[in-house]
N, C-alpha and C. Protein backbone atom coordinates (compact mmCIF):
# COMPACT_ATOMS: atom_id res chain seq x y z
N MET A 1 -0.29 -12.28 -27.56
CA MET A 1 0.19 -12.29 -25.97
C MET A 1 -0.59 -13.36 -25.12
N ASN A 2 -0.24 -12.92 -23.68
CA ASN A 2 -0.95 -13.78 -22.60
C ASN A 2 -2.25 -14.23 -22.46
N GLY A 3 -2.43 -15.14 -23.36
CA GLY A 3 -3.92 -15.87 -23.31
C GLY A 3 -5.07 -14.99 -23.96
N ARG A 4 -4.55 -14.16 -24.83
CA ARG A 4 -5.75 -13.13 -25.49
C ARG A 4 -6.44 -14.13 -26.73
N THR A 5 -7.72 -14.20 -26.72
CA THR A 5 -8.41 -14.80 -27.77
C THR A 5 -8.99 -13.93 -28.75
N ASN A 6 -9.58 -12.85 -28.53
CA ASN A 6 -10.19 -11.84 -29.10
C ASN A 6 -9.16 -10.80 -29.59
N GLY A 7 -8.10 -10.59 -29.35
CA GLY A 7 -7.22 -9.57 -30.02
C GLY A 7 -6.96 -8.28 -28.98
N ASP A 8 -7.78 -8.28 -27.87
CA ASP A 8 -7.80 -7.26 -26.90
C ASP A 8 -6.71 -7.35 -25.97
N ILE A 9 -5.75 -6.05 -25.72
CA ILE A 9 -5.01 -6.17 -24.61
C ILE A 9 -5.84 -6.26 -23.10
N ARG A 10 -5.14 -7.38 -22.57
CA ARG A 10 -5.72 -7.74 -21.33
C ARG A 10 -4.78 -6.68 -19.98
N VAL A 11 -5.62 -6.01 -19.40
CA VAL A 11 -4.91 -4.89 -18.39
C VAL A 11 -5.07 -5.16 -17.14
N LEU A 12 -4.43 -5.08 -16.21
CA LEU A 12 -4.75 -5.14 -14.58
C LEU A 12 -4.15 -3.62 -14.15
N VAL A 13 -4.98 -3.16 -13.28
CA VAL A 13 -4.96 -1.71 -13.02
C VAL A 13 -4.16 -1.98 -11.26
N CYS A 14 -3.14 -1.61 -10.85
CA CYS A 14 -2.74 -1.53 -9.38
C CYS A 14 -2.47 -0.26 -9.23
N GLU A 15 -3.55 0.10 -8.20
CA GLU A 15 -3.32 1.72 -7.89
C GLU A 15 -4.29 1.69 -6.58
N ASN A 16 -3.35 2.17 -5.34
CA ASN A 16 -4.06 2.06 -4.12
C ASN A 16 -4.99 3.07 -3.85
N ASP A 17 -5.17 4.30 -4.54
CA ASP A 17 -5.85 5.30 -4.38
C ASP A 17 -7.34 4.89 -5.00
N PRO A 18 -8.73 4.64 -4.08
CA PRO A 18 -9.80 4.00 -4.87
C PRO A 18 -10.60 4.96 -6.00
N VAL A 19 -10.23 6.22 -5.88
CA VAL A 19 -10.99 6.94 -6.73
C VAL A 19 -10.03 6.98 -8.54
N MET A 20 -8.60 6.78 -7.97
CA MET A 20 -8.19 6.89 -9.17
C MET A 20 -7.93 5.33 -10.17
N ARG A 21 -8.18 4.37 -9.03
CA ARG A 21 -8.33 3.07 -9.47
C ARG A 21 -9.67 2.73 -10.38
N SER A 22 -10.57 3.37 -9.78
CA SER A 22 -12.41 3.58 -10.31
C SER A 22 -12.32 4.39 -11.75
N ALA A 23 -11.33 5.19 -11.69
CA ALA A 23 -11.10 6.10 -13.16
C ALA A 23 -10.52 5.51 -13.99
N LEU A 24 -9.47 4.97 -13.89
CA LEU A 24 -8.50 4.02 -14.62
C LEU A 24 -9.18 2.93 -15.06
N SER A 25 -10.10 1.93 -14.26
CA SER A 25 -10.69 0.99 -14.53
C SER A 25 -12.13 1.31 -15.52
N ASP A 26 -12.76 2.42 -15.26
CA ASP A 26 -13.68 3.04 -16.01
C ASP A 26 -13.15 3.37 -17.72
N LEU A 27 -12.13 3.93 -17.35
CA LEU A 27 -11.40 4.33 -18.80
C LEU A 27 -10.88 3.02 -19.86
N ILE A 28 -10.36 2.19 -19.01
CA ILE A 28 -10.02 0.78 -19.77
C ILE A 28 -11.06 0.18 -20.43
N ARG A 29 -12.19 0.25 -19.32
CA ARG A 29 -13.62 -0.43 -19.89
C ARG A 29 -14.20 0.19 -21.36
N ALA A 30 -13.99 1.21 -21.17
CA ALA A 30 -14.57 2.12 -22.38
C ALA A 30 -13.73 2.08 -23.85
N VAL A 31 -12.49 1.92 -23.62
CA VAL A 31 -11.68 1.76 -24.92
C VAL A 31 -11.88 0.22 -25.60
N PRO A 32 -12.06 0.72 -26.98
CA PRO A 32 -12.23 -0.81 -27.70
C PRO A 32 -10.92 -1.27 -27.77
N GLY A 33 -10.68 -2.60 -27.65
CA GLY A 33 -9.44 -3.30 -27.89
C GLY A 33 -8.56 -3.32 -26.37
N LEU A 34 -9.07 -2.63 -25.50
CA LEU A 34 -8.58 -2.85 -23.87
C LEU A 34 -9.82 -3.86 -23.11
N ASP A 35 -9.01 -4.81 -22.21
CA ASP A 35 -10.06 -5.74 -21.76
C ASP A 35 -9.66 -5.62 -20.14
N LEU A 36 -9.97 -5.06 -19.17
CA LEU A 36 -9.86 -4.72 -17.92
C LEU A 36 -9.98 -6.23 -17.31
N VAL A 37 -9.03 -6.72 -16.58
CA VAL A 37 -8.87 -8.19 -16.35
C VAL A 37 -9.05 -8.25 -14.73
N GLY A 38 -8.54 -7.06 -14.18
CA GLY A 38 -8.75 -6.72 -12.61
C GLY A 38 -8.19 -5.53 -12.08
N ALA A 39 -8.28 -5.27 -10.92
CA ALA A 39 -7.80 -3.92 -10.20
C ALA A 39 -7.31 -4.51 -8.87
N ALA A 40 -6.44 -3.91 -8.52
CA ALA A 40 -5.69 -4.28 -7.25
C ALA A 40 -5.29 -2.87 -6.17
N ALA A 41 -5.43 -2.76 -5.03
CA ALA A 41 -5.09 -1.75 -4.10
C ALA A 41 -3.76 -1.88 -3.29
N ASP A 42 -2.99 -3.25 -3.40
CA ASP A 42 -1.94 -3.37 -2.37
C ASP A 42 -0.95 -4.08 -3.55
N VAL A 43 0.22 -4.23 -2.95
CA VAL A 43 1.11 -5.15 -3.97
C VAL A 43 0.74 -6.57 -3.73
N ASP A 44 0.35 -7.00 -2.53
CA ASP A 44 -0.18 -8.43 -2.75
C ASP A 44 -0.97 -8.88 -3.54
N THR A 45 -2.06 -8.23 -3.46
CA THR A 45 -3.09 -8.37 -4.15
C THR A 45 -2.83 -8.27 -5.73
N ALA A 46 -2.06 -7.23 -6.12
CA ALA A 46 -1.68 -7.04 -7.39
C ALA A 46 -1.02 -8.34 -7.88
N ILE A 47 0.04 -8.85 -7.26
CA ILE A 47 0.75 -10.02 -7.54
C ILE A 47 -0.06 -11.33 -7.80
N GLN A 48 -1.01 -11.42 -7.00
CA GLN A 48 -1.74 -12.25 -6.66
C GLN A 48 -3.00 -12.33 -8.16
N GLN A 49 -3.52 -11.20 -8.56
CA GLN A 49 -4.25 -11.05 -9.26
C GLN A 49 -3.43 -11.19 -10.92
N ALA A 50 -2.23 -10.87 -10.79
CA ALA A 50 -1.55 -11.23 -12.24
C ALA A 50 -1.39 -12.39 -12.19
N SER A 51 -1.18 -13.41 -11.40
CA SER A 51 -0.99 -14.55 -11.48
C SER A 51 -2.14 -15.43 -11.80
N VAL A 52 -3.19 -14.77 -11.36
CA VAL A 52 -4.63 -15.51 -12.18
C VAL A 52 -5.01 -14.72 -13.23
N THR A 53 -4.57 -13.70 -13.55
CA THR A 53 -5.22 -13.25 -15.09
C THR A 53 -4.19 -13.11 -16.16
N SER A 54 -3.09 -13.30 -15.74
CA SER A 54 -1.82 -13.01 -16.96
C SER A 54 -2.11 -12.32 -17.90
N PRO A 55 -2.12 -11.04 -17.26
CA PRO A 55 -2.53 -9.72 -18.27
C PRO A 55 -1.29 -9.38 -19.43
N ASP A 56 -1.47 -8.64 -20.21
CA ASP A 56 -0.79 -8.08 -21.22
C ASP A 56 0.29 -7.13 -20.67
N ALA A 57 -0.88 -6.11 -20.25
CA ALA A 57 -0.14 -4.63 -19.57
C ALA A 57 -0.60 -4.66 -17.95
N VAL A 58 0.35 -4.06 -17.43
CA VAL A 58 -0.15 -3.71 -15.71
C VAL A 58 0.35 -2.46 -15.52
N VAL A 59 -0.70 -1.56 -15.18
CA VAL A 59 -0.71 -0.23 -14.74
C VAL A 59 -0.28 -0.32 -13.28
N ILE A 60 0.89 0.07 -13.08
CA ILE A 60 1.40 -0.05 -11.81
C ILE A 60 1.64 1.31 -10.95
N ASP A 61 0.82 1.70 -9.70
CA ASP A 61 1.22 2.65 -8.87
C ASP A 61 2.74 2.53 -8.17
N VAL A 62 3.79 3.45 -8.24
CA VAL A 62 4.78 3.58 -7.82
C VAL A 62 4.88 3.09 -6.31
N ARG A 63 3.86 4.29 -5.64
CA ARG A 63 3.78 3.88 -3.98
C ARG A 63 2.27 3.14 -3.51
N MET A 64 2.58 1.88 -3.85
CA MET A 64 1.75 1.02 -3.34
C MET A 64 1.93 0.73 -2.05
N PRO A 65 0.96 0.07 -1.09
CA PRO A 65 1.26 -0.49 0.31
C PRO A 65 1.59 -1.75 -0.20
N GLY A 66 2.46 -2.31 0.83
CA GLY A 66 3.01 -3.66 0.74
C GLY A 66 4.27 -3.47 0.20
N GLY A 67 5.12 -2.63 -0.04
CA GLY A 67 6.30 -3.00 -0.54
C GLY A 67 6.60 -2.23 -1.83
N GLY A 68 5.69 -1.02 -2.18
CA GLY A 68 5.75 -0.30 -3.33
C GLY A 68 5.24 -0.98 -4.88
N GLY A 69 5.28 -0.10 -5.82
CA GLY A 69 5.24 -0.59 -6.97
C GLY A 69 6.51 -1.43 -7.63
N SER A 70 7.79 -1.16 -7.17
CA SER A 70 9.03 -1.99 -7.55
C SER A 70 8.83 -3.40 -7.13
N ARG A 71 8.32 -3.59 -5.82
CA ARG A 71 8.27 -5.14 -5.56
C ARG A 71 7.25 -5.55 -6.31
N ALA A 72 6.15 -4.96 -6.70
CA ALA A 72 5.12 -5.74 -7.40
C ALA A 72 5.62 -6.18 -8.85
N ALA A 73 6.22 -4.91 -9.64
CA ALA A 73 6.63 -5.10 -10.77
C ALA A 73 8.00 -6.06 -10.79
N ARG A 74 8.87 -6.50 -9.66
CA ARG A 74 9.78 -7.34 -9.84
C ARG A 74 9.25 -8.75 -9.72
N VAL A 75 8.43 -8.97 -9.09
CA VAL A 75 7.56 -10.31 -8.90
C VAL A 75 6.89 -10.58 -9.98
N ILE A 76 6.13 -9.64 -10.60
CA ILE A 76 5.22 -10.02 -11.66
C ILE A 76 6.03 -10.26 -13.03
N ARG A 77 7.42 -9.17 -13.10
CA ARG A 77 8.44 -9.55 -14.17
C ARG A 77 8.79 -10.66 -14.20
N ARG A 78 9.44 -11.44 -13.04
CA ARG A 78 9.77 -12.85 -12.75
C ARG A 78 8.60 -13.86 -12.97
N THR A 79 7.27 -13.67 -12.72
CA THR A 79 6.36 -14.81 -12.69
C THR A 79 5.78 -14.78 -14.11
N LEU A 80 5.71 -13.65 -14.82
CA LEU A 80 5.05 -13.31 -16.08
C LEU A 80 6.10 -12.69 -16.97
N PRO A 81 6.90 -13.14 -17.36
CA PRO A 81 7.80 -12.36 -18.27
C PRO A 81 7.26 -11.66 -19.25
N GLY A 82 6.18 -12.34 -20.14
CA GLY A 82 5.38 -11.58 -21.07
C GLY A 82 4.45 -10.23 -20.64
N SER A 83 4.20 -10.34 -19.45
CA SER A 83 3.48 -9.06 -19.27
C SER A 83 4.38 -7.89 -19.19
N ARG A 84 3.54 -6.75 -19.80
CA ARG A 84 4.67 -5.65 -19.83
C ARG A 84 3.89 -4.91 -18.95
N LEU A 85 4.84 -3.86 -18.22
CA LEU A 85 4.52 -2.91 -17.02
C LEU A 85 4.74 -1.41 -17.14
N ILE A 86 3.67 -0.97 -16.69
CA ILE A 86 3.73 0.44 -17.07
C ILE A 86 3.70 1.25 -15.41
N ALA A 87 4.55 1.84 -15.35
CA ALA A 87 4.74 2.55 -14.03
C ALA A 87 3.91 3.61 -14.08
N TYR A 88 3.06 4.10 -13.05
CA TYR A 88 2.27 5.35 -13.29
C TYR A 88 2.48 5.84 -11.81
N SER A 89 2.90 6.95 -11.63
CA SER A 89 3.27 7.76 -10.55
C SER A 89 3.01 9.39 -10.59
N ALA A 90 2.72 9.75 -9.35
CA ALA A 90 2.71 11.08 -9.10
C ALA A 90 4.27 11.88 -8.91
N HIS A 91 5.11 11.00 -8.89
CA HIS A 91 6.64 11.18 -8.86
C HIS A 91 7.22 10.93 -10.02
N ALA A 92 8.01 12.15 -10.43
CA ALA A 92 8.93 11.96 -11.55
C ALA A 92 10.38 12.31 -11.20
N ASP A 93 10.93 12.26 -9.85
CA ASP A 93 12.05 12.18 -9.69
C ASP A 93 12.86 11.20 -10.28
N ARG A 94 14.22 11.08 -10.78
CA ARG A 94 15.04 10.15 -11.07
C ARG A 94 15.21 8.90 -10.35
N ASP A 95 15.13 8.97 -9.42
CA ASP A 95 15.55 7.92 -8.42
C ASP A 95 13.98 6.95 -8.25
N ALA A 96 13.08 7.44 -8.48
CA ALA A 96 11.74 6.55 -8.61
C ALA A 96 11.65 5.91 -10.07
N VAL A 97 12.04 7.00 -11.15
CA VAL A 97 12.07 6.17 -12.30
C VAL A 97 13.29 5.08 -12.58
N MET A 98 14.29 5.37 -11.97
CA MET A 98 15.34 4.29 -12.11
C MET A 98 15.12 3.03 -11.22
N GLU A 99 14.27 3.47 -10.18
CA GLU A 99 14.03 2.05 -9.27
C GLU A 99 12.91 1.32 -10.32
N MET A 100 11.93 2.00 -10.65
CA MET A 100 10.82 1.07 -11.41
C MET A 100 11.58 0.61 -12.54
N LEU A 101 12.32 0.99 -13.35
CA LEU A 101 12.91 0.39 -14.60
C LEU A 101 13.41 -0.58 -14.20
N ARG A 102 14.50 -0.34 -13.14
CA ARG A 102 15.42 -1.55 -12.80
C ARG A 102 14.31 -2.57 -12.33
N ALA A 103 13.15 -2.06 -11.64
CA ALA A 103 12.46 -3.36 -11.41
C ALA A 103 11.86 -4.24 -12.48
N GLY A 104 11.82 -3.70 -13.85
CA GLY A 104 11.22 -4.34 -14.82
C GLY A 104 10.09 -3.36 -15.65
N ALA A 105 9.86 -2.06 -15.22
CA ALA A 105 8.89 -1.49 -15.97
C ALA A 105 9.33 -1.09 -17.43
N ASN A 106 8.58 -1.16 -18.11
CA ASN A 106 8.78 -0.71 -19.85
C ASN A 106 8.45 0.51 -19.89
N GLU A 107 7.64 1.28 -19.29
CA GLU A 107 7.44 2.48 -19.40
C GLU A 107 7.03 3.23 -18.25
N TYR A 108 6.98 4.53 -18.00
CA TYR A 108 7.00 5.11 -17.08
C TYR A 108 6.13 6.72 -17.20
N LEU A 109 5.11 6.63 -16.60
CA LEU A 109 4.07 7.73 -16.96
C LEU A 109 3.82 8.65 -15.73
N ILE A 110 3.69 9.84 -15.81
CA ILE A 110 3.13 10.47 -14.82
C ILE A 110 1.63 10.66 -14.65
N LYS A 111 1.03 10.78 -13.63
CA LYS A 111 -0.32 10.84 -13.19
C LYS A 111 -0.41 12.06 -13.83
N GLY A 112 -1.85 12.25 -14.26
CA GLY A 112 -2.09 13.69 -14.99
C GLY A 112 -2.02 13.63 -16.40
N VAL A 113 -1.30 12.76 -16.87
CA VAL A 113 -0.96 12.72 -18.55
C VAL A 113 -2.38 12.51 -18.74
N ASP A 114 -3.03 12.98 -19.94
CA ASP A 114 -4.54 12.71 -20.58
C ASP A 114 -4.48 11.43 -20.93
N ASP A 115 -6.24 11.00 -20.97
CA ASP A 115 -6.30 9.73 -21.29
C ASP A 115 -5.98 9.03 -22.47
N ASP A 116 -5.88 9.85 -23.34
CA ASP A 116 -5.18 9.46 -25.13
C ASP A 116 -3.53 8.78 -24.57
N GLU A 117 -3.27 9.27 -23.94
CA GLU A 117 -1.65 9.39 -23.69
C GLU A 117 -1.58 8.18 -22.94
N LEU A 118 -2.41 7.76 -21.89
CA LEU A 118 -2.38 6.48 -21.32
C LEU A 118 -2.57 5.53 -21.91
N VAL A 119 -4.29 5.44 -22.55
CA VAL A 119 -4.34 4.27 -23.54
C VAL A 119 -3.23 4.10 -24.67
N GLU A 120 -2.56 5.33 -24.85
CA GLU A 120 -1.36 5.11 -26.17
C GLU A 120 -0.33 3.87 -25.57
N ALA A 121 0.12 4.46 -24.54
CA ALA A 121 0.74 3.72 -23.56
C ALA A 121 0.40 2.13 -23.31
N ILE A 122 -0.71 2.07 -23.06
CA ILE A 122 -1.12 0.70 -22.69
C ILE A 122 -1.21 0.10 -23.97
N GLY A 123 -1.43 0.34 -25.09
CA GLY A 123 -1.51 -0.37 -26.25
C GLY A 123 -0.17 -0.99 -26.88
N ARG A 124 0.92 0.72 -26.34
CA ARG A 124 2.12 0.28 -26.60
C ARG A 124 2.88 -0.95 -25.90
N THR A 125 2.71 -0.95 -24.71
CA THR A 125 3.22 -1.91 -23.96
C THR A 125 2.81 -2.89 -23.84
N GLY A 126 1.56 -3.03 -24.17
CA GLY A 126 0.38 -4.34 -24.30
C GLY A 126 1.01 -4.93 -25.71
N ARG A 127 1.52 -4.16 -26.46
CA ARG A 127 1.78 -5.04 -27.72
C ARG A 127 3.56 -5.49 -27.91
N GLY A 128 4.14 -4.96 -26.75
CA GLY A 128 5.55 -5.20 -26.44
C GLY A 128 6.25 -4.26 -26.98
N HIS A 129 6.02 -3.06 -26.98
CA HIS A 129 6.96 -1.93 -27.27
C HIS A 129 7.12 -1.18 -25.78
N ILE A 130 8.29 -0.81 -25.72
CA ILE A 130 8.81 0.23 -24.76
C ILE A 130 8.75 1.61 -25.15
N GLY A 131 8.41 2.53 -23.62
CA GLY A 131 8.31 4.03 -24.29
C GLY A 131 8.42 4.82 -22.60
N LEU A 132 9.23 5.96 -23.05
CA LEU A 132 9.54 6.79 -22.22
C LEU A 132 9.52 8.29 -22.54
N PRO A 133 9.28 9.05 -21.87
CA PRO A 133 8.99 10.68 -22.04
C PRO A 133 10.23 10.90 -22.46
N PRO A 134 10.64 11.94 -23.51
CA PRO A 134 11.68 12.20 -24.08
C PRO A 134 13.13 12.47 -22.66
N ILE A 135 12.31 13.28 -21.92
CA ILE A 135 12.99 13.59 -20.56
C ILE A 135 13.47 12.48 -19.71
N GLN A 136 12.72 11.66 -19.58
CA GLN A 136 13.45 10.63 -19.05
C GLN A 136 14.25 9.70 -19.75
N LEU A 137 13.85 9.48 -21.16
CA LEU A 137 14.92 8.79 -21.89
C LEU A 137 16.35 9.41 -22.07
N GLU A 138 16.29 11.01 -21.92
CA GLU A 138 17.43 11.61 -22.11
C GLU A 138 18.44 11.24 -20.55
N GLU A 139 17.51 11.12 -19.58
CA GLU A 139 18.13 10.78 -18.23
C GLU A 139 18.92 9.43 -18.32
N LEU A 140 18.13 8.79 -18.73
CA LEU A 140 18.54 7.32 -18.64
C LEU A 140 19.84 7.27 -19.50
N LEU A 141 19.83 7.72 -20.79
CA LEU A 141 20.92 7.76 -21.60
C LEU A 141 22.18 8.37 -20.95
N LEU A 142 22.15 9.54 -20.26
CA LEU A 142 22.92 10.01 -19.60
C LEU A 142 23.77 9.17 -18.38
N ASP A 143 22.76 8.49 -17.77
CA ASP A 143 23.31 7.42 -16.67
C ASP A 143 24.17 6.42 -17.48
N MET A 144 23.53 6.11 -18.50
CA MET A 144 24.04 4.91 -19.12
C MET A 144 25.71 5.26 -19.64
N ALA A 145 25.54 6.79 -20.20
CA ALA A 145 26.88 7.03 -20.68
C ALA A 145 28.05 7.35 -19.37
N ASP A 146 27.45 7.87 -18.31
CA ASP A 146 28.12 7.68 -17.24
C ASP A 146 28.84 6.46 -16.73
N LEU A 147 28.31 5.37 -16.60
CA LEU A 147 28.16 4.04 -16.06
C LEU A 147 29.41 3.43 -17.40
N LEU A 148 29.11 3.96 -18.38
CA LEU A 148 30.22 3.30 -19.51
C LEU A 148 31.55 4.21 -19.37
N ALA A 149 31.57 5.61 -19.27
CA ALA A 149 32.84 6.23 -18.74
C ALA A 149 33.40 5.59 -17.61
N THR A 150 32.86 5.27 -16.73
CA THR A 150 33.24 5.02 -15.50
C THR A 150 33.88 3.62 -15.62
N ALA A 151 33.19 2.56 -16.36
CA ALA A 151 33.52 1.17 -16.80
C ALA A 151 35.19 1.40 -17.78
N GLU A 152 35.02 1.97 -18.49
CA GLU A 152 36.20 2.48 -19.31
C GLU A 152 37.14 2.84 -18.66
N ALA A 153 37.09 3.95 -17.80
CA ALA A 153 38.17 4.53 -16.70
C ALA A 153 38.78 3.24 -15.91
N ARG A 154 38.21 2.56 -15.34
CA ARG A 154 38.21 1.40 -14.64
C ARG A 154 39.32 0.55 -15.46
N LEU A 155 38.56 0.25 -16.65
CA LEU A 155 39.62 -0.91 -16.96
C LEU A 155 40.98 -0.34 -17.76
N GLU A 156 40.86 1.13 -18.22
CA GLU A 156 42.19 1.32 -18.75
C GLU A 156 43.19 1.54 -17.49
N GLU A 157 42.66 1.83 -16.12
CA GLU A 157 43.63 1.98 -14.83
C GLU A 157 44.00 0.76 -14.61
N ALA A 158 43.40 -0.30 -14.95
CA ALA A 158 43.58 -1.75 -14.63
C ALA A 158 44.81 -2.22 -15.48
N ASN A 159 44.54 -1.80 -16.95
CA ASN A 159 45.74 -2.03 -17.98
C ASN A 159 46.71 -1.30 -17.74
N ALA A 160 46.94 -0.19 -17.14
CA ALA A 160 47.74 0.67 -16.89
C ALA A 160 48.83 0.28 -16.13
N GLU A 161 48.23 -0.47 -14.64
CA GLU A 161 49.15 -1.40 -13.81
C GLU A 161 50.24 -2.08 -13.92
N PRO A 162 51.38 -1.86 -13.52
CA PRO A 162 52.14 -2.81 -14.09
C PRO A 162 52.00 -4.08 -13.51
N VAL A 163 52.38 -5.23 -14.21
CA VAL A 163 52.10 -6.47 -13.52
C VAL A 163 53.46 -7.15 -12.98
N GLY A 164 53.04 -7.72 -12.00
CA GLY A 164 54.29 -8.50 -11.35
C GLY A 164 54.76 -8.07 -10.09
């Protein structure tokens, strides 16, 4: 992956709450195979640190100062396409999930998940895999099915119109 020499997954934590940022950083430092390369409290710092550290996985708070996690995700995804992004939020609403997925997040976790689940997500995404909780995956698939049905209906309508 991005500059790994010892096989560890390089992780950047982007979280505006200092207590949560510290807890996430401590957790990552304590897990063999994970390497904390930085911690940021706002979007601009997150973008800057990502460009300097080239992390394999970035844990991004969805509601960060400076444009939100979606802004950070879009810029990091564009400048470091090999970095994998984990949206980490207290907000589980459909709009927040879809916004982060559209911005390039590979995974969406709700704050409060146990440490093992967070570590698994970092490992999974840091190795290039995508993961969503079943309810979010179901909602995403339903959205895609709705979009496909709408596109098919428009195509049928366009093909049924008389030419000329």
